[in-house]
Amino acid sequence: MKRPTAPARRPAPLRRSDIPAAGPARRASGTGSVLSAILDHGPVARSNVARLTGSPRRR
């Protein structure tokens, strides 16, 4: 008789604090600010990324 297998566990989301600093801090721009928002806040909707980065909404 086969035993039921446990469901696969998802890895923990990557946060900016998990990544070592590469050098002096500088202002994020464009794609960097979007990536920073995602790393800081985890999986977020596009509308929340726009709010967090101050980007204008596109229609």
PDB file of N, CA and C in Angstrom:
ATOM      1  N   MET A   1       0.830  -1.163   0.000  1.00  0.00           N
ATOM      2  CA  MET A   1       0.000   0.000   0.000  1.00  0.00           C
ATOM      3  C   MET A   1       0.892   1.249   0.000  1.00  0.00           C
ATOM      4  N   LYS A   2       0.561   2.196  -0.908  1.00  0.00           N
ATOM      5  CA  LYS A   2       1.346   3.421  -1.010  1.00  0.00           C
ATOM      6  C   LYS A   2       0.897   4.440   0.019  1.00  0.00           C
ATOM      7  N   ARG A   3       1.869   5.165   0.544  1.00  0.00           N
ATOM      8  CA  ARG A   3       1.557   6.251   1.472  1.00  0.00           C
ATOM      9  C   ARG A   3       1.288   7.521   0.672  1.00  0.00           C
ATOM     10  N   PRO A   4       0.359   8.330   1.103  1.00  0.00           N
ATOM     11  CA  PRO A   4       0.144   9.607   0.399  1.00  0.00           C
ATOM     12  C   PRO A   4       1.339  10.525   0.640  1.00  0.00           C
ATOM     13  N   THR A   5       1.709  11.241  -0.402  1.00  0.00           N
ATOM     14  CA  THR A   5       2.853  12.144  -0.283  1.00  0.00           C
ATOM     15  C   THR A   5       2.397  13.502   0.211  1.00  0.00           C
ATOM     16  N   ALA A   6       3.264  14.153   0.944  1.00  0.00           N
ATOM     17  CA  ALA A   6       2.960  15.492   1.458  1.00  0.00           C
ATOM     18  C   ALA A   6       3.077  16.498   0.317  1.00  0.00           C
ATOM     19  N   PRO A   7       2.258  17.548   0.330  1.00  0.00           N
ATOM     20  CA  PRO A   7       2.356  18.557  -0.725  1.00  0.00           C
ATOM     21  C   PRO A   7       3.709  19.275  -0.649  1.00  0.00           C
ATOM     22  N   ALA A   8       4.210  19.689  -1.805  1.00  0.00           N
ATOM     23  CA  ALA A   8       5.499  20.372  -1.864  1.00  0.00           C
ATOM     24  C   ALA A   8       5.387  21.724  -1.186  1.00  0.00           C
ATOM     25  N   ARG A   9       6.398  22.111  -0.440  1.00  0.00           N
ATOM     26  CA  ARG A   9       6.406  23.402   0.242  1.00  0.00           C
ATOM     27  C   ARG A   9       7.010  24.458  -0.659  1.00  0.00           C
ATOM     28  N   ARG A  10       6.391  25.631  -0.663  1.00  0.00           N
ATOM     29  CA  ARG A  10       6.919  26.740  -1.449  1.00  0.00           C
ATOM     30  C   ARG A  10       8.048  27.397  -0.674  1.00  0.00           C
ATOM     31  N   PRO A  11       9.100  27.825  -1.362  1.00  0.00           N
ATOM     32  CA  PRO A  11      10.187  28.510  -0.644  1.00  0.00           C
ATOM     33  C   PRO A  11       9.705  29.861  -0.121  1.00  0.00           C
ATOM     34  N   ALA A  12      10.338  30.320   0.927  1.00  0.00           N
ATOM     35  CA  ALA A  12       9.986  31.625   1.497  1.00  0.00           C
ATOM     36  C   ALA A  12      10.332  32.715   0.481  1.00  0.00           C
ATOM     37  N   PRO A  13       9.532  33.790   0.413  1.00  0.00           N
ATOM     38  CA  PRO A  13       9.829  34.858  -0.545  1.00  0.00           C
ATOM     39  C   PRO A  13      11.136  35.556  -0.195  1.00  0.00           C
ATOM     40  N   LEU A  14      11.832  36.013  -1.209  1.00  0.00           N
ATOM     41  CA  LEU A  14      13.100  36.705  -1.037  1.00  0.00           C
ATOM     42  C   LEU A  14      12.829  38.147  -0.633  1.00  0.00           C
ATOM     43  N   ARG A  15      13.509  38.622   0.374  1.00  0.00           N
ATOM     44  CA  ARG A  15      13.369  39.998   0.845  1.00  0.00           C
ATOM     45  C   ARG A  15      14.694  40.725   0.640  1.00  0.00           C
ATOM     46  N   ARG A  16      14.608  42.049   0.556  1.00  0.00           N
ATOM     47  CA  ARG A  16      15.817  42.832   0.337  1.00  0.00           C
ATOM     48  C   ARG A  16      16.817  42.617   1.464  1.00  0.00           C
ATOM     49  N   SER A  17      16.339  42.416   2.681  1.00  0.00           N
ATOM     50  CA  SER A  17      17.237  42.218   3.819  1.00  0.00           C
ATOM     51  C   SER A  17      18.039  40.922   3.686  1.00  0.00           C
ATOM     52  N   ASP A  18      17.609  39.999   2.812  1.00  0.00           N
ATOM     53  CA  ASP A  18      18.336  38.753   2.580  1.00  0.00           C
ATOM     54  C   ASP A  18      19.526  38.946   1.643  1.00  0.00           C
ATOM     55  N   ILE A  19      19.570  40.081   0.942  1.00  0.00           N
ATOM     56  CA  ILE A  19      20.615  40.333  -0.045  1.00  0.00           C
ATOM     57  C   ILE A  19      21.652  41.264   0.565  1.00  0.00           C
ATOM     58  N   PRO A  20      22.941  40.876   0.563  1.00  0.00           N
ATOM     59  CA  PRO A  20      23.957  41.753   1.146  1.00  0.00           C
ATOM     60  C   PRO A  20      24.126  43.031   0.328  1.00  0.00           C
ATOM     61  N   ALA A  21      24.457  44.120   1.003  1.00  0.00           N
ATOM     62  CA  ALA A  21      24.653  45.406   0.332  1.00  0.00           C
ATOM     63  C   ALA A  21      25.875  45.333  -0.577  1.00  0.00           C
ATOM     64  N   ALA A  22      25.762  45.917  -1.768  1.00  0.00           N
ATOM     65  CA  ALA A  22      26.857  45.867  -2.741  1.00  0.00           C
ATOM     66  C   ALA A  22      27.742  47.110  -2.684  1.00  0.00           C
ATOM     67  N   GLY A  23      27.275  48.153  -2.061  1.00  0.00           N
ATOM     68  CA  GLY A  23      28.056  49.382  -2.009  1.00  0.00           C
ATOM     69  C   GLY A  23      27.246  50.479  -1.365  1.00  0.00           C
ATOM     70  N   PRO A  24      27.660  51.724  -1.598  1.00  0.00           N
ATOM     71  CA  PRO A  24      26.931  52.828  -0.981  1.00  0.00           C
ATOM     72  C   PRO A  24      25.497  52.901  -1.501  1.00  0.00           C
ATOM     73  N   ALA A  25      24.595  53.302  -0.623  1.00  0.00           N
ATOM     74  CA  ALA A  25      23.186  53.419  -1.009  1.00  0.00           C
ATOM     75  C   ALA A  25      23.017  54.569  -1.992  1.00  0.00           C
ATOM     76  N   ARG A  26      22.163  54.374  -2.981  1.00  0.00           N
ATOM     77  CA  ARG A  26      21.866  55.438  -3.930  1.00  0.00           C
ATOM     78  C   ARG A  26      20.393  55.387  -4.269  1.00  0.00           C
ATOM     79  N   ARG A  27      19.905  56.445  -4.824  1.00  0.00           N
ATOM     80  CA  ARG A  27      18.487  56.533  -5.134  1.00  0.00           C
ATOM     81  C   ARG A  27      18.133  55.550  -6.244  1.00  0.00           C
ATOM     82  N   ALA A  28      17.088  54.784  -6.003  1.00  0.00           N
ATOM     83  CA  ALA A  28      16.632  53.822  -7.008  1.00  0.00           C
ATOM     84  C   ALA A  28      15.887  54.561  -8.115  1.00  0.00           C
ATOM     85  N   SER A  29      16.057  54.086  -9.334  1.00  0.00           N
ATOM     86  CA  SER A  29      15.351  54.717 -10.446  1.00  0.00           C
ATOM     87  C   SER A  29      14.755  53.647 -11.349  1.00  0.00           C
ATOM     88  N   GLY A  30      13.626  53.966 -11.950  1.00  0.00           N
ATOM     89  CA  GLY A  30      13.008  53.083 -12.944  1.00  0.00           C
ATOM     90  C   GLY A  30      12.782  51.677 -12.455  1.00  0.00           C
ATOM     91  N   THR A  31      13.370  50.743 -13.157  1.00  0.00           N
ATOM     92  CA  THR A  31      13.191  49.328 -12.857  1.00  0.00           C
ATOM     93  C   THR A  31      13.693  48.990 -11.465  1.00  0.00           C
ATOM     94  N   GLY A  32      14.755  49.659 -11.040  1.00  0.00           N
ATOM     95  CA  GLY A  32      15.306  49.396  -9.706  1.00  0.00           C
ATOM     96  C   GLY A  32      14.325  49.695  -8.595  1.00  0.00           C
ATOM     97  N   SER A  33      13.546  50.770  -8.737  1.00  0.00           N
ATOM     98  CA  SER A  33      12.585  51.107  -7.687  1.00  0.00           C
ATOM     99  C   SER A  33      11.446  50.092  -7.648  1.00  0.00           C
ATOM    100  N   VAL A  34      11.050  49.587  -8.808  1.00  0.00           N
ATOM    101  CA  VAL A  34      10.003  48.560  -8.856  1.00  0.00           C
ATOM    102  C   VAL A  34      10.512  47.282  -8.202  1.00  0.00           C
ATOM    103  N   LEU A  35      11.715  46.868  -8.536  1.00  0.00           N
ATOM    104  CA  LEU A  35      12.286  45.656  -7.950  1.00  0.00           C
ATOM    105  C   LEU A  35      12.445  45.817  -6.442  1.00  0.00           C
ATOM    106  N   SER A  36      12.884  46.975  -6.006  1.00  0.00           N
ATOM    107  CA  SER A  36      13.042  47.223  -4.568  1.00  0.00           C
ATOM    108  C   SER A  36      11.704  47.114  -3.846  1.00  0.00           C
ATOM    109  N   ALA A  37      10.653  47.664  -4.438  1.00  0.00           N
ATOM    110  CA  ALA A  37       9.327  47.596  -3.819  1.00  0.00           C
ATOM    111  C   ALA A  37       8.864  46.148  -3.700  1.00  0.00           C
ATOM    112  N   ILE A  38       9.110  45.355  -4.722  1.00  0.00           N
ATOM    113  CA  ILE A  38       8.705  43.951  -4.692  1.00  0.00           C
ATOM    114  C   ILE A  38       9.512  43.177  -3.665  1.00  0.00           C
ATOM    115  N   LEU A  39      10.817  43.440  -3.586  1.00  0.00           N
ATOM    116  CA  LEU A  39      11.648  42.742  -2.605  1.00  0.00           C
ATOM    117  C   LEU A  39      11.283  43.151  -1.181  1.00  0.00           C
ATOM    118  N   ASP A  40      10.927  44.411  -0.980  1.00  0.00           N
ATOM    119  CA  ASP A  40      10.583  44.884   0.357  1.00  0.00           C
ATOM    120  C   ASP A  40       9.226  44.397   0.819  1.00  0.00           C
ATOM    121  N   HIS A  41       8.256  44.305  -0.088  1.00  0.00           N
ATOM    122  CA  HIS A  41       6.888  44.032   0.303  1.00  0.00           C
ATOM    123  C   HIS A  41       6.359  42.685  -0.157  1.00  0.00           C
ATOM    124  N   GLY A  42       7.172  41.861  -0.797  1.00  0.00           N
ATOM    125  CA  GLY A  42       6.725  40.542  -1.224  1.00  0.00           C
ATOM    126  C   GLY A  42       5.821  40.622  -2.438  1.00  0.00           C
ATOM    127  N   PRO A  43       5.093  39.568  -2.735  1.00  0.00           N
ATOM    128  CA  PRO A  43       4.201  39.587  -3.891  1.00  0.00           C
ATOM    129  C   PRO A  43       3.138  40.677  -3.735  1.00  0.00           C
ATOM    130  N   VAL A  44       3.143  41.632  -4.649  1.00  0.00           N
ATOM    131  CA  VAL A  44       2.181  42.737  -4.594  1.00  0.00           C
ATOM    132  C   VAL A  44       1.573  42.956  -5.973  1.00  0.00           C
ATOM    133  N   ALA A  45       0.394  43.540  -5.990  1.00  0.00           N
ATOM    134  CA  ALA A  45      -0.283  43.850  -7.250  1.00  0.00           C
ATOM    135  C   ALA A  45       0.409  45.028  -7.934  1.00  0.00           C
ATOM    136  N   ARG A  46       0.220  45.131  -9.241  1.00  0.00           N
ATOM    137  CA  ARG A  46       0.818  46.238  -9.999  1.00  0.00           C
ATOM    138  C   ARG A  46       0.377  47.591  -9.472  1.00  0.00           C
ATOM    139  N   SER A  47      -0.884  47.688  -9.078  1.00  0.00           N
ATOM    140  CA  SER A  47      -1.376  48.968  -8.557  1.00  0.00           C
ATOM    141  C   SER A  47      -0.655  49.347  -7.270  1.00  0.00           C
ATOM    142  N   ASN A  48      -0.342  48.366  -6.435  1.00  0.00           N
ATOM    143  CA  ASN A  48       0.394  48.651  -5.200  1.00  0.00           C
ATOM    144  C   ASN A  48       1.839  49.018  -5.491  1.00  0.00           C
ATOM    145  N   VAL A  49       2.448  48.398  -6.495  1.00  0.00           N
ATOM    146  CA  VAL A  49       3.817  48.764  -6.874  1.00  0.00           C
ATOM    147  C   VAL A  49       3.841  50.218  -7.335  1.00  0.00           C
ATOM    148  N   ALA A  50       2.846  50.616  -8.120  1.00  0.00           N
ATOM    149  CA  ALA A  50       2.777  52.001  -8.581  1.00  0.00           C
ATOM    150  C   ALA A  50       2.633  52.956  -7.398  1.00  0.00           C
ATOM    151  N   ARG A  51       1.813  52.595  -6.426  1.00  0.00           N
ATOM    152  CA  ARG A  51       1.631  53.440  -5.245  1.00  0.00           C
ATOM    153  C   ARG A  51       2.914  53.509  -4.429  1.00  0.00           C
ATOM    154  N   LEU A  52       3.596  52.383  -4.251  1.00  0.00           N
ATOM    155  CA  LEU A  52       4.814  52.337  -3.449  1.00  0.00           C
ATOM    156  C   LEU A  52       5.964  53.095  -4.091  1.00  0.00           C
ATOM    157  N   THR A  53       6.038  53.086  -5.414  1.00  0.00           N
ATOM    158  CA  THR A  53       7.150  53.734  -6.114  1.00  0.00           C
ATOM    159  C   THR A  53       6.832  55.149  -6.549  1.00  0.00           C
ATOM    160  N   GLY A  54       5.551  55.543  -6.445  1.00  0.00           N
ATOM    161  CA  GLY A  54       5.172  56.884  -6.884  1.00  0.00           C
ATOM    162  C   GLY A  54       5.072  57.000  -8.386  1.00  0.00           C
ATOM    163  N   SER A  55       4.967  55.869  -9.072  1.00  0.00           N
ATOM    164  CA  SER A  55       4.860  55.866 -10.527  1.00  0.00           C
ATOM    165  C   SER A  55       3.443  56.277 -10.945  1.00  0.00           C
ATOM    166  N   PRO A  56       3.327  56.986 -12.068  1.00  0.00           N
ATOM    167  CA  PRO A  56       1.978  57.323 -12.540  1.00  0.00           C
ATOM    168  C   PRO A  56       1.263  56.076 -13.043  1.00  0.00           C
ATOM    169  N   ARG A  57      -0.056  56.064 -12.910  1.00  0.00           N
ATOM    170  CA  ARG A  57      -0.847  54.918 -13.398  1.00  0.00           C
ATOM    171  C   ARG A  57      -0.960  54.989 -14.903  1.00  0.00           C
ATOM    172  N   ARG A  58      -0.832  53.857 -15.537  1.00  0.00           N
ATOM    173  CA  ARG A  58      -1.017  53.768 -17.001  1.00  0.00           C
ATOM    174  C   ARG A  58      -2.391  53.231 -17.284  1.00  0.00           C
ATOM    175  N   ARG A  59      -2.969  53.652 -18.357  1.00  0.00           N
ATOM    176  CA  ARG A  59      -4.288  53.159 -18.741  1.00  0.00           C
ATOM    177  C   ARG A  59      -4.206  52.340 -19.990  1.00  0.00           C
TER     178      ARG A  59
END
